Amino acid sequence: MASDPKTVEFILDQLNAASAEVSAKKMFGEYGLYLDGKMVAMICDDQLFVKPTPEGRAFAGPIEEAPPYPQAKPCLLVDGDRWDDGDWLVELFRVSAAALPAPKPKKAKSI
C-alpha cells in the first residue's frame, strides 16, 4: 500500500517548522526523507522509519524496531504520537544523519 502524500507533507511540515531542511523523494510509491544529502528515514505504509544508528537509538530511548518493507533490515519505527514533536523529530534526524556515512558519489553516465 502506498503512503498518503498528506502523511509525508505533515511530517515534512513538522521537521521544517523546527528548522530542518528535510526533503522527500518518491520511491516506488513510498518516500525517502533526506537531511544533508543523506537518506535518514522512509515513510512506508504511512509509517515513519528512521535508519538505525547507535546514536539514534540512544537518543530515541525505548523504541520499536521493524522493517519498512519485506526483507528489509529493521529500522526505528517512530510512533505517530511522536510526529507532533517537531523538535524531537529534528534532533533524531540530526543525530542519525551525523552517524550515517556520506552518500557514495554517482557514476557519470556514459553516452
PDB file of N, CA and C in Angstrom:
ATOM      1  N   MET A   1       0.844  -1.178   0.000  1.00  0.00           N
ATOM      2  CA  MET A   1       0.000   0.000   0.000  1.00  0.00           C
ATOM      3  C   MET A   1       0.890   1.242   0.000  1.00  0.00           C
ATOM      4  N   ALA A   2       0.644   2.155  -0.894  1.00  0.00           N
ATOM      5  CA  ALA A   2       1.438   3.377  -0.988  1.00  0.00           C
ATOM      6  C   ALA A   2       1.050   4.350   0.124  1.00  0.00           C
ATOM      7  N   SER A   3       2.015   5.149   0.520  1.00  0.00           N
ATOM      8  CA  SER A   3       1.781   6.139   1.574  1.00  0.00           C
ATOM      9  C   SER A   3       0.981   7.318   1.033  1.00  0.00           C
ATOM     10  N   ASP A   4       0.191   7.911   1.889  1.00  0.00           N
ATOM     11  CA  ASP A   4      -0.608   9.075   1.542  1.00  0.00           C
ATOM     12  C   ASP A   4       0.309  10.300   1.494  1.00  0.00           C
ATOM     13  N   PRO A   5       0.277  11.064   0.413  1.00  0.00           N
ATOM     14  CA  PRO A   5       1.102  12.276   0.342  1.00  0.00           C
ATOM     15  C   PRO A   5       0.835  13.255   1.494  1.00  0.00           C
ATOM     16  N   LYS A   6      -0.357  13.219   2.070  1.00  0.00           N
ATOM     17  CA  LYS A   6      -0.666  14.103   3.204  1.00  0.00           C
ATOM     18  C   LYS A   6       0.155  13.713   4.438  1.00  0.00           C
ATOM     19  N   THR A   7       0.431  12.423   4.602  1.00  0.00           N
ATOM     20  CA  THR A   7       1.281  11.976   5.706  1.00  0.00           C
ATOM     21  C   THR A   7       2.681  12.535   5.532  1.00  0.00           C
ATOM     22  N   VAL A   8       3.200  12.443   4.322  1.00  0.00           N
ATOM     23  CA  VAL A   8       4.537  12.956   4.023  1.00  0.00           C
ATOM     24  C   VAL A   8       4.582  14.459   4.257  1.00  0.00           C
ATOM     25  N   GLU A   9       3.572  15.161   3.770  1.00  0.00           N
ATOM     26  CA  GLU A   9       3.508  16.621   3.933  1.00  0.00           C
ATOM     27  C   GLU A   9       3.483  17.005   5.410  1.00  0.00           C
ATOM     28  N   PHE A  10       2.713  16.273   6.218  1.00  0.00           N
ATOM     29  CA  PHE A  10       2.627  16.571   7.651  1.00  0.00           C
ATOM     30  C   PHE A  10       3.985  16.407   8.327  1.00  0.00           C
ATOM     31  N   ILE A  11       4.652  15.287   8.060  1.00  0.00           N
ATOM     32  CA  ILE A  11       5.950  15.034   8.695  1.00  0.00           C
ATOM     33  C   ILE A  11       6.974  16.075   8.241  1.00  0.00           C
ATOM     34  N   LEU A  12       6.988  16.403   6.945  1.00  0.00           N
ATOM     35  CA  LEU A  12       7.907  17.438   6.459  1.00  0.00           C
ATOM     36  C   LEU A  12       7.616  18.787   7.107  1.00  0.00           C
ATOM     37  N   ASP A  13       6.338  19.121   7.263  1.00  0.00           N
ATOM     38  CA  ASP A  13       5.970  20.390   7.914  1.00  0.00           C
ATOM     39  C   ASP A  13       6.497  20.429   9.349  1.00  0.00           C
ATOM     40  N   GLN A  14       6.368  19.312  10.076  1.00  0.00           N
ATOM     41  CA  GLN A  14       6.854  19.259  11.458  1.00  0.00           C
ATOM     42  C   GLN A  14       8.363  19.454  11.502  1.00  0.00           C
ATOM     43  N   LEU A  15       9.079  18.781  10.614  1.00  0.00           N
ATOM     44  CA  LEU A  15      10.536  18.870  10.587  1.00  0.00           C
ATOM     45  C   LEU A  15      11.008  20.255  10.153  1.00  0.00           C
ATOM     46  N   ASN A  16      10.415  20.783   9.112  1.00  0.00           N
ATOM     47  CA  ASN A  16      10.853  22.074   8.591  1.00  0.00           C
ATOM     48  C   ASN A  16      10.465  23.231   9.511  1.00  0.00           C
ATOM     49  N   ALA A  17       9.363  23.080  10.252  1.00  0.00           N
ATOM     50  CA  ALA A  17       8.972  24.109  11.218  1.00  0.00           C
ATOM     51  C   ALA A  17       9.976  24.171  12.362  1.00  0.00           C
ATOM     52  N   ALA A  18      10.672  23.074  12.590  1.00  0.00           N
ATOM     53  CA  ALA A  18      11.672  23.012  13.658  1.00  0.00           C
ATOM     54  C   ALA A  18      13.079  23.245  13.107  1.00  0.00           C
ATOM     55  N   SER A  19      13.164  23.964  12.009  1.00  0.00           N
ATOM     56  CA  SER A  19      14.441  24.407  11.438  1.00  0.00           C
ATOM     57  C   SER A  19      15.302  23.307  10.827  1.00  0.00           C
ATOM     58  N   ALA A  20      14.702  22.345  10.204  1.00  0.00           N
ATOM     59  CA  ALA A  20      15.475  21.327   9.481  1.00  0.00           C
ATOM     60  C   ALA A  20      15.102  21.396   8.009  1.00  0.00           C
ATOM     61  N   GLU A  21      16.085  21.313   7.166  1.00  0.00           N
ATOM     62  CA  GLU A  21      15.845  21.286   5.731  1.00  0.00           C
ATOM     63  C   GLU A  21      15.780  19.837   5.284  1.00  0.00           C
ATOM     64  N   VAL A  22      14.624  19.245   5.455  1.00  0.00           N
ATOM     65  CA  VAL A  22      14.419  17.858   5.084  1.00  0.00           C
ATOM     66  C   VAL A  22      13.601  17.828   3.798  1.00  0.00           C
ATOM     67  N   SER A  23      14.008  16.956   2.885  1.00  0.00           N
ATOM     68  CA  SER A  23      13.268  16.812   1.636  1.00  0.00           C
ATOM     69  C   SER A  23      12.811  15.368   1.488  1.00  0.00           C
ATOM     70  N   ALA A  24      11.826  15.171   0.637  1.00  0.00           N
ATOM     71  CA  ALA A  24      11.289  13.834   0.389  1.00  0.00           C
ATOM     72  C   ALA A  24      11.398  13.522  -1.094  1.00  0.00           C
ATOM     73  N   LYS A  25      11.722  12.272  -1.385  1.00  0.00           N
ATOM     74  CA  LYS A  25      11.749  11.796  -2.765  1.00  0.00           C
ATOM     75  C   LYS A  25      10.871  10.562  -2.837  1.00  0.00           C
ATOM     76  N   LYS A  26       9.984  10.566  -3.838  1.00  0.00           N
ATOM     77  CA  LYS A  26       9.091   9.426  -4.017  1.00  0.00           C
ATOM     78  C   LYS A  26       9.875   8.261  -4.601  1.00  0.00           C
ATOM     79  N   MET A  27       9.676   7.096  -4.001  1.00  0.00           N
ATOM     80  CA  MET A  27      10.371   5.889  -4.443  1.00  0.00           C
ATOM     81  C   MET A  27       9.411   4.705  -4.373  1.00  0.00           C
ATOM     82  N   PHE A  28       9.013   4.195  -5.502  1.00  0.00           N
ATOM     83  CA  PHE A  28       8.166   3.009  -5.571  1.00  0.00           C
ATOM     84  C   PHE A  28       6.875   3.159  -4.767  1.00  0.00           C
ATOM     85  N   GLY A  29       6.265   4.323  -4.801  1.00  0.00           N
ATOM     86  CA  GLY A  29       5.024   4.560  -4.072  1.00  0.00           C
ATOM     87  C   GLY A  29       5.222   4.946  -2.623  1.00  0.00           C
ATOM     88  N   GLU A  30       6.446   4.884  -2.156  1.00  0.00           N
ATOM     89  CA  GLU A  30       6.779   5.279  -0.786  1.00  0.00           C
ATOM     90  C   GLU A  30       7.729   6.469  -0.864  1.00  0.00           C
ATOM     91  N   TYR A  31       8.291   6.889   0.258  1.00  0.00           N
ATOM     92  CA  TYR A  31       9.112   8.100   0.267  1.00  0.00           C
ATOM     93  C   TYR A  31      10.388   7.906   1.076  1.00  0.00           C
ATOM     94  N   GLY A  32      11.476   8.472   0.558  1.00  0.00           N
ATOM     95  CA  GLY A  32      12.715   8.569   1.300  1.00  0.00           C
ATOM     96  C   GLY A  32      12.844   9.991   1.811  1.00  0.00           C
ATOM     97  N   LEU A  33      13.281  10.176   3.048  1.00  0.00           N
ATOM     98  CA  LEU A  33      13.465  11.503   3.634  1.00  0.00           C
ATOM     99  C   LEU A  33      14.956  11.772   3.769  1.00  0.00           C
ATOM    100  N   TYR A  34      15.387  12.946   3.311  1.00  0.00           N
ATOM    101  CA  TYR A  34      16.801  13.283   3.230  1.00  0.00           C
ATOM    102  C   TYR A  34      17.126  14.509   4.067  1.00  0.00           C
ATOM    103  N   LEU A  35      18.237  14.433   4.782  1.00  0.00           N
ATOM    104  CA  LEU A  35      18.783  15.554   5.538  1.00  0.00           C
ATOM    105  C   LEU A  35      20.266  15.614   5.207  1.00  0.00           C
ATOM    106  N   ASP A  36      20.733  16.771   4.797  1.00  0.00           N
ATOM    107  CA  ASP A  36      22.146  16.951   4.442  1.00  0.00           C
ATOM    108  C   ASP A  36      22.600  15.955   3.373  1.00  0.00           C
ATOM    109  N   GLY A  37      21.727  15.665   2.426  1.00  0.00           N
ATOM    110  CA  GLY A  37      22.068  14.770   1.330  1.00  0.00           C
ATOM    111  C   GLY A  37      22.068  13.295   1.695  1.00  0.00           C
ATOM    112  N   LYS A  38      21.714  12.973   2.928  1.00  0.00           N
ATOM    113  CA  LYS A  38      21.705  11.582   3.376  1.00  0.00           C
ATOM    114  C   LYS A  38      20.263  11.118   3.572  1.00  0.00           C
ATOM    115  N   MET A  39      19.979   9.916   3.082  1.00  0.00           N
ATOM    116  CA  MET A  39      18.657   9.351   3.345  1.00  0.00           C
ATOM    117  C   MET A  39      18.641   8.881   4.791  1.00  0.00           C
ATOM    118  N   VAL A  40      17.834   9.553   5.592  1.00  0.00           N
ATOM    119  CA  VAL A  40      17.792   9.299   7.032  1.00  0.00           C
ATOM    120  C   VAL A  40      16.587   8.452   7.415  1.00  0.00           C
ATOM    121  N   ALA A  41      15.511   8.570   6.641  1.00  0.00           N
ATOM    122  CA  ALA A  41      14.277   7.892   7.025  1.00  0.00           C
ATOM    123  C   ALA A  41      13.458   7.545   5.793  1.00  0.00           C
ATOM    124  N   MET A  42      12.436   6.730   6.021  1.00  0.00           N
ATOM    125  CA  MET A  42      11.494   6.356   4.976  1.00  0.00           C
ATOM    126  C   MET A  42      10.084   6.435   5.544  1.00  0.00           C
ATOM    127  N   ILE A  43       9.169   6.769   4.670  1.00  0.00           N
ATOM    128  CA  ILE A  43       7.757   6.670   5.023  1.00  0.00           C
ATOM    129  C   ILE A  43       7.198   5.557   4.150  1.00  0.00           C
ATOM    130  N   CYS A  44       6.776   4.488   4.794  1.00  0.00           N
ATOM    131  CA  CYS A  44       6.230   3.322   4.105  1.00  0.00           C
ATOM    132  C   CYS A  44       4.913   2.945   4.776  1.00  0.00           C
ATOM    133  N   ASP A  45       3.874   2.753   3.971  1.00  0.00           N
ATOM    134  CA  ASP A  45       2.554   2.419   4.513  1.00  0.00           C
ATOM    135  C   ASP A  45       2.135   3.394   5.606  1.00  0.00           C
ATOM    136  N   ASP A  46       2.411   4.677   5.380  1.00  0.00           N
ATOM    137  CA  ASP A  46       2.046   5.749   6.324  1.00  0.00           C
ATOM    138  C   ASP A  46       2.662   5.566   7.703  1.00  0.00           C
ATOM    139  N   GLN A  47       3.858   4.960   7.752  1.00  0.00           N
ATOM    140  CA  GLN A  47       4.609   4.832   8.993  1.00  0.00           C
ATOM    141  C   GLN A  47       5.990   5.426   8.768  1.00  0.00           C
ATOM    142  N   LEU A  48       6.557   6.016   9.815  1.00  0.00           N
ATOM    143  CA  LEU A  48       7.870   6.651   9.738  1.00  0.00           C
ATOM    144  C   LEU A  48       8.935   5.714  10.293  1.00  0.00           C
ATOM    145  N   PHE A  49       9.907   5.381   9.442  1.00  0.00           N
ATOM    146  CA  PHE A  49      11.016   4.513   9.799  1.00  0.00           C
ATOM    147  C   PHE A  49      12.314   5.305   9.678  1.00  0.00           C
ATOM    148  N   VAL A  50      13.098   5.361  10.735  1.00  0.00           N
ATOM    149  CA  VAL A  50      14.375   6.067  10.729  1.00  0.00           C
ATOM    150  C   VAL A  50      15.488   5.029  10.696  1.00  0.00           C
ATOM    151  N   LYS A  51      16.500   5.289   9.854  1.00  0.00           N
ATOM    152  CA  LYS A  51      17.621   4.356   9.769  1.00  0.00           C
ATOM    153  C   LYS A  51      18.246   4.202  11.152  1.00  0.00           C
ATOM    154  N   PRO A  52      18.530   2.965  11.533  1.00  0.00           N
ATOM    155  CA  PRO A  52      19.059   2.743  12.880  1.00  0.00           C
ATOM    156  C   PRO A  52      20.554   3.054  12.980  1.00  0.00           C
ATOM    157  N   THR A  53      20.900   3.798  13.986  1.00  0.00           N
ATOM    158  CA  THR A  53      22.293   4.052  14.346  1.00  0.00           C
ATOM    159  C   THR A  53      22.368   3.947  15.864  1.00  0.00           C
ATOM    160  N   PRO A  54      23.535   3.632  16.408  1.00  0.00           N
ATOM    161  CA  PRO A  54      23.640   3.594  17.872  1.00  0.00           C
ATOM    162  C   PRO A  54      23.254   4.941  18.499  1.00  0.00           C
ATOM    163  N   GLU A  55      23.641   6.030  17.842  1.00  0.00           N
ATOM    164  CA  GLU A  55      23.330   7.371  18.364  1.00  0.00           C
ATOM    165  C   GLU A  55      21.825   7.645  18.315  1.00  0.00           C
ATOM    166  N   GLY A  56      21.183   7.224  17.243  1.00  0.00           N
ATOM    167  CA  GLY A  56      19.736   7.403  17.123  1.00  0.00           C
ATOM    168  C   GLY A  56      18.984   6.593  18.162  1.00  0.00           C
ATOM    169  N   ARG A  57      19.430   5.365  18.363  1.00  0.00           N
ATOM    170  CA  ARG A  57      18.790   4.520  19.384  1.00  0.00           C
ATOM    171  C   ARG A  57      18.951   5.138  20.771  1.00  0.00           C
ATOM    172  N   ALA A  58      20.147   5.640  21.068  1.00  0.00           N
ATOM    173  CA  ALA A  58      20.399   6.246  22.386  1.00  0.00           C
ATOM    174  C   ALA A  58      19.519   7.477  22.583  1.00  0.00           C
ATOM    175  N   PHE A  59      19.391   8.294  21.544  1.00  0.00           N
ATOM    176  CA  PHE A  59      18.566   9.493  21.658  1.00  0.00           C
ATOM    177  C   PHE A  59      17.088   9.141  21.812  1.00  0.00           C
ATOM    178  N   ALA A  60      16.614   8.190  21.004  1.00  0.00           N
ATOM    179  CA  ALA A  60      15.183   7.857  20.986  1.00  0.00           C
ATOM    180  C   ALA A  60      14.735   7.143  22.255  1.00  0.00           C
ATOM    181  N   GLY A  61      15.660   6.458  22.917  1.00  0.00           N
ATOM    182  CA  GLY A  61      15.267   5.681  24.082  1.00  0.00           C
ATOM    183  C   GLY A  61      14.542   4.417  23.640  1.00  0.00           C
ATOM    184  N   PRO A  62      13.708   3.865  24.509  1.00  0.00           N
ATOM    185  CA  PRO A  62      12.989   2.648  24.122  1.00  0.00           C
ATOM    186  C   PRO A  62      12.091   2.938  22.908  1.00  0.00           C
ATOM    187  N   ILE A  63      12.359   2.239  21.817  1.00  0.00           N
ATOM    188  CA  ILE A  63      11.592   2.455  20.591  1.00  0.00           C
ATOM    189  C   ILE A  63      11.488   1.131  19.847  1.00  0.00           C
ATOM    190  N   GLU A  64      10.346   0.904  19.255  1.00  0.00           N
ATOM    191  CA  GLU A  64      10.130  -0.320  18.481  1.00  0.00           C
ATOM    192  C   GLU A  64      10.971  -0.283  17.213  1.00  0.00           C
ATOM    193  N   GLU A  65      11.415  -1.440  16.787  1.00  0.00           N
ATOM    194  CA  GLU A  65      12.116  -1.562  15.513  1.00  0.00           C
ATOM    195  C   GLU A  65      11.350  -2.548  14.648  1.00  0.00           C
ATOM    196  N   ALA A  66      11.244  -2.218  13.359  1.00  0.00           N
ATOM    197  CA  ALA A  66      10.521  -3.068  12.418  1.00  0.00           C
ATOM    198  C   ALA A  66      11.043  -2.778  11.013  1.00  0.00           C
ATOM    199  N   PRO A  67      10.926  -3.749  10.116  1.00  0.00           N
ATOM    200  CA  PRO A  67      11.351  -3.496   8.737  1.00  0.00           C
ATOM    201  C   PRO A  67      10.299  -2.661   8.008  1.00  0.00           C
ATOM    202  N   PRO A  68      10.730  -1.691   7.201  1.00  0.00           N
ATOM    203  CA  PRO A  68       9.769  -0.853   6.476  1.00  0.00           C
ATOM    204  C   PRO A  68       9.068  -1.589   5.334  1.00  0.00           C
ATOM    205  N   TYR A  69       9.673  -2.667   4.858  1.00  0.00           N
ATOM    206  CA  TYR A  69       9.079  -3.487   3.799  1.00  0.00           C
ATOM    207  C   TYR A  69       9.671  -4.889   3.936  1.00  0.00           C
ATOM    208  N   PRO A  70       9.054  -5.896   3.320  1.00  0.00           N
ATOM    209  CA  PRO A  70       9.550  -7.270   3.473  1.00  0.00           C
ATOM    210  C   PRO A  70      11.023  -7.401   3.067  1.00  0.00           C
ATOM    211  N   GLN A  71      11.747  -8.182   3.781  1.00  0.00           N
ATOM    212  CA  GLN A  71      13.174  -8.474   3.608  1.00  0.00           C
ATOM    213  C   GLN A  71      14.091  -7.277   3.904  1.00  0.00           C
ATOM    214  N   ALA A  72      13.573  -6.202   4.420  1.00  0.00           N
ATOM    215  CA  ALA A  72      14.407  -5.051   4.786  1.00  0.00           C
ATOM    216  C   ALA A  72      14.948  -5.243   6.192  1.00  0.00           C
ATOM    217  N   LYS A  73      16.055  -4.581   6.467  1.00  0.00           N
ATOM    218  CA  LYS A  73      16.602  -4.591   7.822  1.00  0.00           C
ATOM    219  C   LYS A  73      15.697  -3.741   8.715  1.00  0.00           C
ATOM    220  N   PRO A  74      15.586  -4.093   9.987  1.00  0.00           N
ATOM    221  CA  PRO A  74      14.743  -3.297  10.891  1.00  0.00           C
ATOM    222  C   PRO A  74      15.248  -1.859  11.024  1.00  0.00           C
ATOM    223  N   CYS A  75      14.306  -0.955  11.125  1.00  0.00           N
ATOM    224  CA  CYS A  75      14.574   0.468  11.344  1.00  0.00           C
ATOM    225  C   CYS A  75      13.823   0.909  12.597  1.00  0.00           C
ATOM    226  N   LEU A  76      14.147   2.097  13.075  1.00  0.00           N
ATOM    227  CA  LEU A  76      13.431   2.648  14.227  1.00  0.00           C
ATOM    228  C   LEU A  76      12.045   3.069  13.749  1.00  0.00           C
ATOM    229  N   LEU A  77      11.013   2.523  14.332  1.00  0.00           N
ATOM    230  CA  LEU A  77       9.636   2.835  13.964  1.00  0.00           C
ATOM    231  C   LEU A  77       9.127   3.924  14.905  1.00  0.00           C
ATOM    232  N   VAL A  78       8.975   5.129  14.355  1.00  0.00           N
ATOM    233  CA  VAL A  78       8.557   6.272  15.165  1.00  0.00           C
ATOM    234  C   VAL A  78       7.032   6.277  15.249  1.00  0.00           C
ATOM    235  N   ASP A  79       6.529   6.147  16.441  1.00  0.00           N
ATOM    236  CA  ASP A  79       5.090   6.124  16.681  1.00  0.00           C
ATOM    237  C   ASP A  79       4.458   7.436  16.237  1.00  0.00           C
ATOM    238  N   GLY A  80       3.275   7.370  15.672  1.00  0.00           N
ATOM    239  CA  GLY A  80       2.558   8.551  15.202  1.00  0.00           C
ATOM    240  C   GLY A  80       2.358   9.612  16.270  1.00  0.00           C
ATOM    241  N   ASP A  81       2.312   9.208  17.536  1.00  0.00           N
ATOM    242  CA  ASP A  81       2.157  10.168  18.637  1.00  0.00           C
ATOM    243  C   ASP A  81       3.369  11.088  18.751  1.00  0.00           C
ATOM    244  N   ARG A  82       4.531  10.656  18.256  1.00  0.00           N
ATOM    245  CA  ARG A  82       5.762  11.462  18.346  1.00  0.00           C
ATOM    246  C   ARG A  82       5.896  12.446  17.183  1.00  0.00           C
ATOM    247  N   TRP A  83       5.076  12.287  16.140  1.00  0.00           N
ATOM    248  CA  TRP A  83       5.191  13.139  14.960  1.00  0.00           C
ATOM    249  C   TRP A  83       4.897  14.600  15.258  1.00  0.00           C
ATOM    250  N   ASP A  84       4.083  14.874  16.263  1.00  0.00           N
ATOM    251  CA  ASP A  84       3.730  16.259  16.597  1.00  0.00           C
ATOM    252  C   ASP A  84       4.881  17.015  17.252  1.00  0.00           C
ATOM    253  N   ASP A  85       5.869  16.306  17.746  1.00  0.00           N
ATOM    254  CA  ASP A  85       7.003  16.931  18.427  1.00  0.00           C
ATOM    255  C   ASP A  85       8.125  17.170  17.411  1.00  0.00           C
ATOM    256  N   GLY A  86       8.006  18.264  16.668  1.00  0.00           N
ATOM    257  CA  GLY A  86       8.965  18.576  15.616  1.00  0.00           C
ATOM    258  C   GLY A  86      10.388  18.702  16.124  1.00  0.00           C
ATOM    259  N   ASP A  87      10.582  19.280  17.292  1.00  0.00           N
ATOM    260  CA  ASP A  87      11.931  19.434  17.843  1.00  0.00           C
ATOM    261  C   ASP A  87      12.577  18.074  18.118  1.00  0.00           C
ATOM    262  N   TRP A  88      11.793  17.141  18.669  1.00  0.00           N
ATOM    263  CA  TRP A  88      12.303  15.800  18.940  1.00  0.00           C
ATOM    264  C   TRP A  88      12.641  15.087  17.630  1.00  0.00           C
ATOM    265  N   LEU A  89      11.735  15.200  16.646  1.00  0.00           N
ATOM    266  CA  LEU A  89      11.977  14.560  15.353  1.00  0.00           C
ATOM    267  C   LEU A  89      13.235  15.101  14.690  1.00  0.00           C
ATOM    268  N   VAL A  90      13.389  16.424  14.707  1.00  0.00           N
ATOM    269  CA  VAL A  90      14.570  17.038  14.090  1.00  0.00           C
ATOM    270  C   VAL A  90      15.836  16.533  14.754  1.00  0.00           C
ATOM    271  N   GLU A  91      15.837  16.468  16.067  1.00  0.00           N
ATOM    272  CA  GLU A  91      17.042  16.016  16.762  1.00  0.00           C
ATOM    273  C   GLU A  91      17.336  14.557  16.436  1.00  0.00           C
ATOM    274  N   LEU A  92      16.300  13.722  16.357  1.00  0.00           N
ATOM    275  CA  LEU A  92      16.504  12.323  15.969  1.00  0.00           C
ATOM    276  C   LEU A  92      17.094  12.247  14.566  1.00  0.00           C
ATOM    277  N   PHE A  93      16.589  13.051  13.636  1.00  0.00           N
ATOM    278  CA  PHE A  93      17.118  13.071  12.273  1.00  0.00           C
ATOM    279  C   PHE A  93      18.569  13.551  12.266  1.00  0.00           C
ATOM    280  N   ARG A  94      18.867  14.603  13.015  1.00  0.00           N
ATOM    281  CA  ARG A  94      20.231  15.154  13.026  1.00  0.00           C
ATOM    282  C   ARG A  94      21.236  14.167  13.626  1.00  0.00           C
ATOM    283  N   VAL A  95      20.871  13.567  14.736  1.00  0.00           N
ATOM    284  CA  VAL A  95      21.752  12.601  15.388  1.00  0.00           C
ATOM    285  C   VAL A  95      21.980  11.408  14.463  1.00  0.00           C
ATOM    286  N   SER A  96      20.929  10.935  13.838  1.00  0.00           N
ATOM    287  CA  SER A  96      21.038   9.786  12.944  1.00  0.00           C
ATOM    288  C   SER A  96      21.847  10.132  11.699  1.00  0.00           C
ATOM    289  N   ALA A  97      21.589  11.295  11.103  1.00  0.00           N
ATOM    290  CA  ALA A  97      22.313  11.703   9.890  1.00  0.00           C
ATOM    291  C   ALA A  97      23.798  11.856  10.165  1.00  0.00           C
ATOM    292  N   ALA A  98      24.145  12.401  11.324  1.00  0.00           N
ATOM    293  CA  ALA A  98      25.557  12.595  11.670  1.00  0.00           C
ATOM    294  C   ALA A  98      26.292  11.258  11.772  1.00  0.00           C
ATOM    295  N   ALA A  99      25.583  10.198  12.130  1.00  0.00           N
ATOM    296  CA  ALA A  99      26.209   8.890  12.297  1.00  0.00           C
ATOM    297  C   ALA A  99      26.232   8.068  11.004  1.00  0.00           C
ATOM    298  N   LEU A 100      25.475   8.509   9.997  1.00  0.00           N
ATOM    299  CA  LEU A 100      25.430   7.765   8.733  1.00  0.00           C
ATOM    300  C   LEU A 100      26.590   8.173   7.826  1.00  0.00           C
ATOM    301  N   PRO A 101      27.076   7.237   7.012  1.00  0.00           N
ATOM    302  CA  PRO A 101      28.159   7.591   6.087  1.00  0.00           C
ATOM    303  C   PRO A 101      27.654   8.534   4.998  1.00  0.00           C
ATOM    304  N   ALA A 102      28.572   9.279   4.427  1.00  0.00           N
ATOM    305  CA  ALA A 102      28.222  10.172   3.319  1.00  0.00           C
ATOM    306  C   ALA A 102      27.762   9.327   2.141  1.00  0.00           C
ATOM    307  N   PRO A 103      26.820   9.855   1.346  1.00  0.00           N
ATOM    308  CA  PRO A 103      26.375   9.084   0.182  1.00  0.00           C
ATOM    309  C   PRO A 103      27.511   8.901  -0.814  1.00  0.00           C
ATOM    310  N   LYS A 104      27.494   7.759  -1.478  1.00  0.00           N
ATOM    311  CA  LYS A 104      28.517   7.481  -2.486  1.00  0.00           C
ATOM    312  C   LYS A 104      28.269   8.369  -3.702  1.00  0.00           C
ATOM    313  N   PRO A 105      29.345   8.892  -4.308  1.00  0.00           N
ATOM    314  CA  PRO A 105      29.158   9.720  -5.496  1.00  0.00           C
ATOM    315  C   PRO A 105      28.570   8.886  -6.640  1.00  0.00           C
ATOM    316  N   LYS A 106      27.701   9.525  -7.395  1.00  0.00           N
ATOM    317  CA  LYS A 106      27.080   8.841  -8.514  1.00  0.00           C
ATOM    318  C   LYS A 106      28.080   8.735  -9.664  1.00  0.00           C
ATOM    319  N   LYS A 107      28.007   7.619 -10.358  1.00  0.00           N
ATOM    320  CA  LYS A 107      28.876   7.415 -11.514  1.00  0.00           C
ATOM    321  C   LYS A 107      28.357   8.237 -12.680  1.00  0.00           C
ATOM    322  N   ALA A 108      29.276   8.772 -13.456  1.00  0.00           N
ATOM    323  CA  ALA A 108      28.883   9.535 -14.651  1.00  0.00           C
ATOM    324  C   ALA A 108      28.273   8.575 -15.666  1.00  0.00           C
ATOM    325  N   LYS A 109      27.236   9.041 -16.327  1.00  0.00           N
ATOM    326  CA  LYS A 109      26.595   8.229 -17.337  1.00  0.00           C
ATOM    327  C   LYS A 109      27.428   8.256 -18.615  1.00  0.00           C
ATOM    328  N   SER A 110      27.594   7.102 -19.188  1.00  0.00           N
ATOM    329  CA  SER A 110      28.339   7.053 -20.451  1.00  0.00           C
ATOM    330  C   SER A 110      27.363   7.169 -21.607  1.00  0.00           C
ATOM    331  N   ILE A 111      27.819   7.787 -22.644  1.00  0.00           N
ATOM    332  CA  ILE A 111      26.940   8.007 -23.808  1.00  0.00           C
ATOM    333  C   ILE A 111      27.187   6.968 -24.865  1.00  0.00           C
TER     334      ILE A 111
END
